[in-house]
Amino acid sequence: MNDRLFRTSGDSRIKKYAAGILCAVLAVSPGLTGCGTSTVNSTSVSAAALQTADGDSSFYGQAMAMLEKGDYQNAYTYFQSAINSEGHAAEGRRGQGICQLKLGNYDDAITLFDQACSAVRYPSLNEAFLEDCELYEVQACIAAEQYDKALTLCDSLIRGDRSGEAFLLRGTVYLKTEKYGQAAADFQHAIEADPSYDIYLKIYQTYTESSRQADGAVFLKDALNIEPQSAEDNEKLGQICYELGDYDSAEKYLTVALEGGVADAVSLLGRTYLDAGDTDGARSMYQKCVDDGTFVAAGYNGLAICDLQDENYEAALEHITAGLSSGDTSMQEELLYNEIIVYEKQGDYETAASKMTSFLGWYPQNTAAVAESRFISSRVQQKNSTPQKVLDSGADTGDSSIDAGTAADTGSEDGSTDAGTTADTGSGDGSTDAGTTADTGSGEQ
């Protein structure tokens, strides 16, 4: 099974959270001065304040829209304009901090979150804003391996309104510093504060990234005792069953979720079929999504994955092209990524490298693609440095006949940072995505 395929949306949680970010920012930004320092002196939330930034022509509104779409480079620039021209000092620095966090510039992100907090004129009236900035800063500290600072922030945050997120992040720090007992205790506190499927999945993925999957599975099994109340709950429960290897139960819950209109269930249900060896079942389900017009792009992406399974690369490219031209942009990142994988599997590393360059320009936060890019570049370099007489002799060169299949299955030298691992984390999202830090667990691109 080629786990480097992009099967589910790597940005789904980010996009959902970006919408949440908007509400959080607007909720604390009514009062601003023109001198570059935000008063941020109100915590009341009006109906207008909770609307999205769609149609907002201000620099700040446009920056938020770009942030939600994952366009972090341009969002950063527009946040700076909002700071300079509109007085959004605190909110602007916070937005820039999020951009830098998502772009992997963790030290810069830490500095910006500190500046955002310092720009708040009335801290006692804006505790929610400060708490939010600090939760993000903890994520940046963890990513930058500044564990002492992360712990200091968490020790304060666990007394706030979002204690569950703080316990989850502190538990992550303890896990990364091999304090396993303290990590387990904090994860339990996080569950007590938020006994949701998402929190269990985040804990599991955090353990998985620390190569302690069995410890994470203990928490997941406890989540099976929670009765699903919605189609979304069934999708999460299906994911839990999938992680535990119970494919029959996963299929049952994911089918309910799919019937309830949960888009994320499409890719995960297809993966359940594929991992159970039922390629025909996966193909039938994906084709139905296309024929029904319900989840067209996801259906085409899934069909391409089935084609890759069958090593039918021409059909895979046809389905990817159809998905990209379908007008449904919800799976664009996945389709573009899998297009690269097709060329790689065909041994056309030059085309794969060219398309990867464009892909990383659009999706710089996709760490799976970064790892895959290194692998593809090594193949291009290997091919270009191989003497022509060796190529002519038909000697093994690591080119298409050998590596298009096995290399793609074995991954790059670092284990390929499994495309699935980045995209799917399945980690739901809490506001400040602990899954983004401890990020990205199960699932595939």
Protein backbone atom coordinates (compact mmCIF):
# COMPACT_ATOMS: atom_id res chain seq x y z
CA MET A 1 0.00 0.00 0.00
CA ASN A 2 1.50 3.30 -1.01
CA ASP A 3 1.00 5.58 1.95
CA ARG A 4 2.44 8.58 0.15
CA LEU A 5 -0.74 9.28 -1.72
CA PHE A 6 -2.67 12.36 -0.79
CA ARG A 7 -6.04 10.96 0.16
CA THR A 8 -7.56 13.42 2.52
CA SER A 9 -7.28 17.12 2.87
CA GLY A 10 -4.19 18.26 4.67
CA ASP A 11 -5.66 21.69 5.24
CA SER A 12 -9.13 20.77 6.39
CA ARG A 13 -8.39 21.49 10.01
CA ILE A 14 -6.44 24.63 9.17
CA LYS A 15 -9.30 26.00 7.11
CA LYS A 16 -11.85 25.28 9.79
CA TYR A 17 -9.65 26.87 12.39
CA ALA A 18 -8.97 29.88 10.24
CA ALA A 19 -12.68 30.58 10.26
CA GLY A 20 -12.58 30.29 14.02
CA ILE A 21 -9.62 32.62 14.13
CA LEU A 22 -11.64 35.27 12.38
CA CYS A 23 -14.34 35.20 15.02
CA ALA A 24 -11.79 35.28 17.79
CA VAL A 25 -10.05 38.30 16.33
CA LEU A 26 -13.14 40.28 15.56
CA ALA A 27 -14.55 39.52 18.96
CA VAL A 28 -11.81 41.55 20.56
CA SER A 29 -11.08 44.25 18.01
CA PRO A 30 -13.84 46.87 18.00
CA GLY A 31 -11.84 49.69 19.58
CA LEU A 32 -8.71 50.68 17.69
CA THR A 33 -6.71 53.84 17.61
CA GLY A 34 -4.92 55.32 14.65
CA CYS A 35 -1.55 55.52 16.32
CA GLY A 36 -0.53 51.94 15.70
CA THR A 37 -1.42 50.62 19.14
CA SER A 38 -4.56 48.60 19.46
CA THR A 39 -6.80 49.42 22.37
CA VAL A 40 -8.59 46.08 21.98
CA ASN A 41 -10.78 47.22 24.83
CA SER A 42 -13.98 45.28 24.28
CA THR A 43 -14.79 41.62 24.66
CA SER A 44 -18.40 41.87 23.54
CA VAL A 45 -19.36 40.03 20.38
CA SER A 46 -21.90 41.45 17.99
CA ALA A 47 -23.57 39.52 15.18
CA ALA A 48 -21.63 41.57 12.63
CA ALA A 49 -18.37 40.80 14.39
CA LEU A 50 -18.93 37.09 13.97
CA GLN A 51 -19.34 37.26 10.21
CA THR A 52 -16.54 36.08 7.95
CA ALA A 53 -14.23 38.41 6.11
CA ASP A 54 -15.83 37.64 2.74
CA GLY A 55 -16.43 40.93 0.94
CA ASP A 56 -14.42 42.93 3.47
CA SER A 57 -12.17 45.21 1.41
CA SER A 58 -10.06 46.41 4.34
CA PHE A 59 -6.46 45.23 4.57
CA TYR A 60 -7.34 43.33 7.70
CA GLY A 61 -10.39 41.67 6.17
CA GLN A 62 -8.43 40.63 3.10
CA ALA A 63 -5.61 39.30 5.26
CA MET A 64 -8.06 37.15 7.20
CA ALA A 65 -9.56 35.80 3.98
CA MET A 66 -6.07 34.91 2.73
CA LEU A 67 -5.24 33.26 6.03
CA GLU A 68 -8.35 31.13 5.83
CA LYS A 69 -7.36 30.01 2.33
CA GLY A 70 -3.84 29.13 3.43
CA ASP A 71 -2.20 31.95 1.47
CA TYR A 72 0.17 32.77 4.30
CA GLN A 73 2.77 34.80 2.42
CA ASN A 74 0.27 37.32 1.06
CA ALA A 75 -1.73 37.28 4.29
CA TYR A 76 1.42 38.32 6.17
CA THR A 77 1.89 41.31 3.85
CA TYR A 78 -1.72 42.42 4.19
CA PHE A 79 -1.59 42.10 7.97
CA GLN A 80 1.38 44.50 7.88
CA SER A 81 -0.69 46.95 5.85
CA ALA A 82 -3.48 46.60 8.41
CA ILE A 83 -1.00 47.42 11.15
CA ASN A 84 0.41 50.43 9.30
CA SER A 85 -2.82 51.88 7.89
CA GLU A 86 -5.68 50.65 10.05
CA GLY A 87 -4.26 50.51 13.57
CA HIS A 88 -4.62 46.74 13.97
CA ALA A 89 -1.40 46.34 15.91
CA ALA A 90 -2.38 43.51 18.25
CA GLU A 91 -4.59 41.63 15.82
CA GLY A 92 -2.16 42.18 12.95
CA ARG A 93 0.83 40.81 14.86
CA ARG A 94 -1.26 37.86 15.93
CA GLY A 95 -2.21 37.19 12.32
CA GLN A 96 1.40 37.47 11.22
CA GLY A 97 2.39 35.11 14.01
CA ILE A 98 -0.07 32.53 12.72
CA CYS A 99 1.32 32.94 9.20
CA GLN A 100 4.87 32.38 10.39
CA LEU A 101 3.77 29.40 12.46
CA LYS A 102 2.12 27.81 9.45
CA LEU A 103 5.16 28.60 7.28
CA GLY A 104 7.47 26.91 9.76
CA ASN A 105 9.27 30.08 10.90
CA TYR A 106 8.81 29.30 14.55
CA ASP A 107 11.21 31.77 16.16
CA ASP A 108 9.64 34.62 14.21
CA ALA A 109 6.20 33.40 15.21
CA ILE A 110 7.14 33.45 18.89
CA THR A 111 8.37 37.03 18.59
CA LEU A 112 5.20 38.13 16.83
CA PHE A 113 2.89 36.56 19.40
CA ASP A 114 4.85 38.32 22.14
CA GLN A 115 4.45 41.60 20.25
CA ALA A 116 0.72 40.98 19.81
CA CYS A 117 0.30 40.56 23.54
CA SER A 118 2.39 43.65 24.28
CA ALA A 119 0.23 45.72 21.91
CA VAL A 120 -2.91 45.12 23.98
CA ARG A 121 -3.60 48.27 25.95
CA TYR A 122 -6.10 46.86 28.45
CA PRO A 123 -5.09 43.27 29.30
CA SER A 124 -7.79 42.74 31.92
CA LEU A 125 -10.49 43.44 29.34
CA ASN A 126 -8.93 41.21 26.71
CA GLU A 127 -8.00 38.02 28.49
CA ALA A 128 -9.51 35.84 25.74
CA PHE A 129 -7.34 37.48 23.09
CA LEU A 130 -4.20 37.12 25.19
CA GLU A 131 -5.01 33.51 25.99
CA ASP A 132 -5.46 32.74 22.31
CA CYS A 133 -2.13 34.32 21.39
CA GLU A 134 -0.34 32.39 24.10
CA LEU A 135 -1.87 29.08 23.04
CA TYR A 136 -0.51 29.71 19.56
CA GLU A 137 2.83 30.72 21.03
CA VAL A 138 3.04 27.42 22.88
CA GLN A 139 2.63 25.61 19.58
CA ALA A 140 5.48 27.63 18.10
CA CYS A 141 7.64 26.96 21.16
CA ILE A 142 7.04 23.22 20.88
CA ALA A 143 7.90 23.25 17.19
CA ALA A 144 11.06 25.27 17.95
CA GLU A 145 11.89 22.87 20.82
CA GLN A 146 11.77 25.72 23.32
CA TYR A 147 10.20 23.43 25.86
CA ASP A 148 10.95 25.46 29.00
CA LYS A 149 9.14 28.50 27.63
CA ALA A 150 6.27 26.31 26.45
CA LEU A 151 5.89 24.85 29.94
CA THR A 152 5.96 28.28 31.56
CA LEU A 153 3.15 29.47 29.30
CA CYS A 154 1.13 26.29 29.83
CA ASP A 155 1.44 26.51 33.60
CA SER A 156 -0.40 29.81 33.38
CA LEU A 157 -2.84 28.80 30.66
CA ILE A 158 -4.19 25.75 32.50
CA ARG A 159 -5.90 28.20 34.87
CA GLY A 160 -7.73 29.90 32.01
CA ASP A 161 -10.95 29.26 30.14
CA ARG A 162 -9.26 27.01 27.61
CA SER A 163 -7.56 24.74 30.09
CA GLY A 164 -8.24 21.63 28.02
CA GLU A 165 -6.09 22.91 25.16
CA ALA A 166 -3.40 23.97 27.61
CA PHE A 167 -3.31 20.53 29.24
CA LEU A 168 -3.10 18.91 25.82
CA LEU A 169 -0.18 21.11 24.82
CA ARG A 170 1.62 20.65 28.13
CA GLY A 171 1.12 16.91 27.83
CA THR A 172 2.71 17.13 24.39
CA VAL A 173 5.75 18.86 25.89
CA TYR A 174 6.05 16.21 28.58
CA LEU A 175 5.80 13.47 25.97
CA LYS A 176 8.50 15.05 23.83
CA THR A 177 10.75 15.35 26.89
CA GLU A 178 10.06 11.72 27.85
CA LYS A 179 8.12 12.49 31.01
CA TYR A 180 5.52 9.86 30.20
CA GLY A 181 3.66 9.76 33.49
CA GLN A 182 3.15 13.51 33.55
CA ALA A 183 2.09 13.46 29.89
CA ALA A 184 -0.58 10.82 30.55
CA ALA A 185 -1.89 12.78 33.54
CA ASP A 186 -2.19 15.98 31.50
CA PHE A 187 -3.90 14.18 28.65
CA GLN A 188 -6.44 12.85 31.13
CA HIS A 189 -7.04 16.39 32.39
CA ALA A 190 -7.54 17.50 28.79
CA ILE A 191 -10.19 14.82 28.32
CA GLU A 192 -11.95 15.88 31.52
CA ALA A 193 -12.12 19.43 30.17
CA ASP A 194 -13.23 18.34 26.68
CA PRO A 195 -14.45 14.71 26.41
CA SER A 196 -14.80 14.83 22.61
CA TYR A 197 -13.69 12.49 19.86
CA ASP A 198 -11.29 15.16 18.62
CA ILE A 199 -9.36 15.31 21.86
CA TYR A 200 -8.91 11.53 21.92
CA LEU A 201 -7.68 11.56 18.32
CA LYS A 202 -5.22 14.36 19.05
CA ILE A 203 -3.82 12.47 22.00
CA TYR A 204 -3.48 9.33 19.92
CA GLN A 205 -1.70 11.17 17.13
CA THR A 206 0.64 12.84 19.59
CA TYR A 207 1.62 9.46 20.99
CA THR A 208 1.98 8.05 17.47
CA GLU A 209 4.43 10.78 16.52
CA SER A 210 6.50 9.84 19.55
CA SER A 211 6.51 6.18 18.47
CA ARG A 212 4.27 5.20 21.37
CA GLN A 213 1.22 4.21 19.38
CA ALA A 214 0.17 1.53 21.85
CA ASP A 215 -0.13 4.13 24.63
CA GLY A 216 -2.28 6.29 22.38
CA ALA A 217 -4.51 3.34 21.51
CA VAL A 218 -5.44 3.01 25.18
CA PHE A 219 -7.03 6.47 25.03
CA LEU A 220 -8.72 5.73 21.70
CA LYS A 221 -10.42 2.64 23.11
CA ASP A 222 -11.97 4.78 25.84
CA ALA A 223 -13.47 7.02 23.15
CA LEU A 224 -15.52 4.08 21.87
CA ASN A 225 -17.75 4.52 24.91
CA ILE A 226 -19.01 7.89 23.65
CA GLU A 227 -22.28 7.60 21.73
CA PRO A 228 -22.28 9.49 18.39
CA GLN A 229 -24.84 12.28 18.22
CA SER A 230 -24.38 13.49 14.65
CA ALA A 231 -23.03 12.59 11.23
CA GLU A 232 -19.81 14.36 12.17
CA ASP A 233 -19.53 12.23 15.29
CA ASN A 234 -19.91 9.12 13.17
CA GLU A 235 -17.04 10.29 10.97
CA LYS A 236 -14.81 10.74 14.01
CA LEU A 237 -15.85 7.40 15.47
CA GLY A 238 -15.16 5.79 12.11
CA GLN A 239 -11.68 7.28 12.16
CA ILE A 240 -11.10 5.92 15.65
CA CYS A 241 -12.19 2.44 14.58
CA TYR A 242 -9.95 2.69 11.54
CA GLU A 243 -6.94 3.60 13.68
CA LEU A 244 -7.68 0.63 15.92
CA GLY A 245 -7.84 -1.67 12.89
CA ASP A 246 -11.55 -2.42 13.20
CA TYR A 247 -12.42 -1.90 9.54
CA ASP A 248 -15.91 -3.37 9.74
CA SER A 249 -16.96 -0.87 12.41
CA ALA A 250 -15.13 1.92 10.60
CA GLU A 251 -17.09 1.17 7.43
CA LYS A 252 -20.37 1.21 9.35
CA TYR A 253 -19.80 4.57 11.01
CA LEU A 254 -18.24 6.21 7.94
CA THR A 255 -21.14 5.13 5.76
CA VAL A 256 -23.53 6.86 8.16
CA ALA A 257 -21.33 9.96 8.06
CA LEU A 258 -21.21 9.93 4.27
CA GLU A 259 -24.97 9.62 4.06
CA GLY A 260 -25.13 12.58 6.40
CA GLY A 261 -23.09 14.72 4.03
CA VAL A 262 -19.73 14.71 5.82
CA ALA A 263 -17.14 15.27 3.09
CA ASP A 264 -14.19 14.00 5.14
CA ALA A 265 -15.83 10.58 5.30
CA VAL A 266 -15.29 10.02 1.57
CA SER A 267 -11.51 9.64 1.65
CA LEU A 268 -11.43 7.77 4.93
CA LEU A 269 -14.09 5.28 3.84
CA GLY A 270 -12.17 4.70 0.62
CA ARG A 271 -9.00 4.12 2.59
CA THR A 272 -10.84 1.66 4.81
CA TYR A 273 -11.85 -0.35 1.75
CA LEU A 274 -8.36 -0.20 0.29
CA ASP A 275 -6.59 -1.20 3.48
CA ALA A 276 -9.00 -4.10 3.83
CA GLY A 277 -8.01 -5.17 0.31
CA ASP A 278 -11.34 -4.24 -1.27
CA THR A 279 -10.25 -2.07 -4.19
CA ASP A 280 -13.51 -2.74 -6.02
CA GLY A 281 -15.52 -1.50 -3.04
CA ALA A 282 -13.43 1.67 -2.87
CA ARG A 283 -13.76 2.29 -6.60
CA SER A 284 -17.53 1.76 -6.50
CA MET A 285 -17.92 4.22 -3.63
CA TYR A 286 -15.75 6.86 -5.29
CA GLN A 287 -17.58 6.46 -8.61
CA LYS A 288 -20.90 6.94 -6.84
CA CYS A 289 -19.64 10.25 -5.43
CA VAL A 290 -18.87 11.40 -8.97
CA ASP A 291 -22.10 10.11 -10.49
CA ASP A 292 -24.26 11.59 -7.73
CA GLY A 293 -22.51 14.94 -7.98
CA THR A 294 -22.13 14.99 -4.20
CA PHE A 295 -18.36 14.94 -3.64
CA VAL A 296 -17.08 15.12 -7.20
CA ALA A 297 -13.45 16.14 -6.60
CA ALA A 298 -13.07 13.67 -3.74
CA GLY A 299 -14.52 10.97 -5.97
CA TYR A 300 -12.06 11.65 -8.79
CA ASN A 301 -9.18 11.80 -6.32
CA GLY A 302 -10.22 8.44 -4.91
CA LEU A 303 -10.52 6.90 -8.35
CA ALA A 304 -7.00 8.10 -9.11
CA ILE A 305 -5.78 6.41 -5.95
CA CYS A 306 -7.44 3.17 -7.04
CA ASP A 307 -5.77 3.53 -10.42
CA LEU A 308 -2.42 3.97 -8.72
CA GLN A 309 -3.11 0.84 -6.71
CA ASP A 310 -3.68 -0.98 -9.98
CA GLU A 311 -0.62 0.70 -11.55
CA ASN A 312 -2.84 2.19 -14.24
CA TYR A 313 -1.09 5.53 -14.41
CA GLU A 314 -2.77 6.85 -17.54
CA ALA A 315 -6.19 6.35 -15.98
CA ALA A 316 -4.94 8.02 -12.78
CA LEU A 317 -3.90 11.12 -14.71
CA GLU A 318 -7.25 11.20 -16.52
CA HIS A 319 -9.14 11.10 -13.23
CA ILE A 320 -6.89 13.76 -11.70
CA THR A 321 -7.41 16.02 -14.71
CA ALA A 322 -11.16 15.49 -14.47
CA GLY A 323 -11.10 16.35 -10.78
CA LEU A 324 -9.09 19.53 -11.34
CA SER A 325 -11.45 20.68 -14.09
CA SER A 326 -14.65 19.69 -12.28
CA GLY A 327 -15.20 23.10 -10.71
CA ASP A 328 -15.00 21.55 -7.24
CA THR A 329 -11.85 22.99 -5.67
CA SER A 330 -12.20 21.25 -2.31
CA MET A 331 -9.58 18.61 -3.21
CA GLN A 332 -7.22 20.67 -5.35
CA GLU A 333 -4.22 20.17 -3.09
CA GLU A 334 -4.78 16.43 -2.94
CA LEU A 335 -5.25 16.09 -6.69
CA LEU A 336 -2.15 18.14 -7.48
CA TYR A 337 -0.09 16.14 -5.02
CA ASN A 338 -1.24 12.81 -6.42
CA GLU A 339 -0.46 14.05 -9.91
CA ILE A 340 3.14 14.40 -8.80
CA ILE A 341 3.07 10.88 -7.38
CA VAL A 342 1.81 9.52 -10.71
CA TYR A 343 4.75 11.03 -12.59
CA GLU A 344 7.10 9.76 -9.90
CA LYS A 345 5.68 6.25 -10.20
CA GLN A 346 6.19 6.45 -13.96
CA GLY A 347 9.82 7.35 -13.40
CA ASP A 348 9.37 10.82 -14.92
CA TYR A 349 11.22 12.59 -12.13
CA GLU A 350 11.88 15.75 -14.13
CA THR A 351 8.16 16.42 -14.60
CA ALA A 352 7.50 15.44 -11.01
CA ALA A 353 10.19 17.87 -9.83
CA SER A 354 8.80 20.71 -11.94
CA LYS A 355 5.29 20.18 -10.66
CA MET A 356 6.55 19.84 -7.09
CA THR A 357 8.22 23.26 -7.34
CA SER A 358 4.88 24.81 -8.26
CA PHE A 359 3.07 22.78 -5.61
CA LEU A 360 5.34 23.97 -2.80
CA GLY A 361 4.84 27.53 -3.95
CA TRP A 362 1.12 27.09 -3.37
CA TYR A 363 1.30 24.83 -0.32
CA PRO A 364 4.55 25.53 1.55
CA GLN A 365 3.16 24.09 4.78
CA ASN A 366 2.74 20.60 3.34
CA THR A 367 5.62 18.88 5.10
CA ALA A 368 4.96 15.63 3.27
CA ALA A 369 5.57 17.43 -0.01
CA VAL A 370 8.79 18.94 1.36
CA ALA A 371 10.06 15.46 2.18
CA GLU A 372 8.85 14.07 -1.13
CA SER A 373 10.58 16.92 -2.91
CA ARG A 374 13.90 15.86 -1.42
CA PHE A 375 13.32 12.32 -2.64
CA ILE A 376 12.40 13.42 -6.17
CA SER A 377 15.36 15.82 -6.32
CA SER A 378 17.70 13.00 -5.33
CA ARG A 379 16.37 10.90 -8.21
CA VAL A 380 16.79 13.72 -10.71
CA GLN A 381 20.32 14.32 -9.47
CA GLN A 382 21.10 10.62 -9.58
CA LYS A 383 19.85 10.33 -13.13
CA ASN A 384 21.71 13.42 -14.31
CA SER A 385 24.98 12.33 -12.72
CA THR A 386 24.88 8.77 -14.12
CA PRO A 387 27.34 8.32 -17.01
CA GLN A 388 25.60 7.85 -20.34
CA LYS A 389 27.38 4.58 -21.02
CA VAL A 390 25.86 3.12 -17.86
CA LEU A 391 22.42 4.24 -18.97
CA ASP A 392 23.00 2.76 -22.39
CA SER A 393 24.09 -0.54 -20.91
CA GLY A 394 20.77 -0.94 -19.19
CA ALA A 395 22.41 -1.16 -15.76
CA ASP A 396 20.30 -0.39 -12.72
CA THR A 397 20.26 3.35 -12.20
CA GLY A 398 17.46 3.85 -9.73
CA ASP A 399 15.32 5.11 -12.59
CA SER A 400 11.72 4.35 -13.47
CA SER A 401 11.86 0.59 -13.80
CA ILE A 402 13.09 0.21 -10.28
CA ASP A 403 12.25 3.27 -8.25
CA ALA A 404 8.95 4.36 -9.68
CA GLY A 405 7.40 1.53 -7.77
CA THR A 406 9.67 0.51 -4.95
CA ALA A 407 11.03 3.93 -4.12
CA ALA A 408 7.56 5.38 -3.94
CA ASP A 409 6.58 2.58 -1.62
CA THR A 410 9.65 2.70 0.58
CA GLY A 411 9.70 6.47 0.75
CA SER A 412 12.48 8.91 0.94
CA GLU A 413 15.37 8.38 3.26
CA ASP A 414 13.57 9.92 6.18
CA GLY A 415 10.65 7.58 5.85
CA SER A 416 9.08 9.95 3.39
CA THR A 417 7.26 11.85 6.06
CA ASP A 418 4.27 9.98 4.92
CA ALA A 419 2.00 12.17 2.95
CA GLY A 420 -0.72 10.68 4.96
CA THR A 421 0.92 11.70 8.11
CA THR A 422 0.79 15.33 7.18
CA ALA A 423 -2.50 15.57 5.64
CA ASP A 424 -4.76 13.64 7.70
CA THR A 425 -3.87 14.04 11.21
CA GLY A 426 -7.42 13.40 11.71
CA SER A 427 -6.81 15.62 14.61
CA GLY A 428 -9.91 17.57 14.44
CA ASP A 429 -9.17 20.98 15.44
CA GLY A 430 -9.73 22.66 18.65
CA SER A 431 -9.18 26.20 18.26
CA THR A 432 -5.48 26.33 18.65
CA ASP A 433 -4.68 23.12 16.97
CA ALA A 434 -2.51 21.09 19.28
CA GLY A 435 -2.62 18.74 16.41
CA THR A 436 -0.87 21.35 14.36
CA THR A 437 2.04 21.25 16.68
CA ALA A 438 2.02 17.71 17.66
CA ASP A 439 0.67 17.57 14.21
CA THR A 440 -0.14 15.50 11.90
CA GLY A 441 -1.02 12.01 12.51
CA SER A 442 -3.05 9.48 10.70
CA GLY A 443 -4.50 9.69 7.33
CA GLU A 444 -2.97 10.33 4.03
CA GLN A 445 -2.85 12.86 1.37
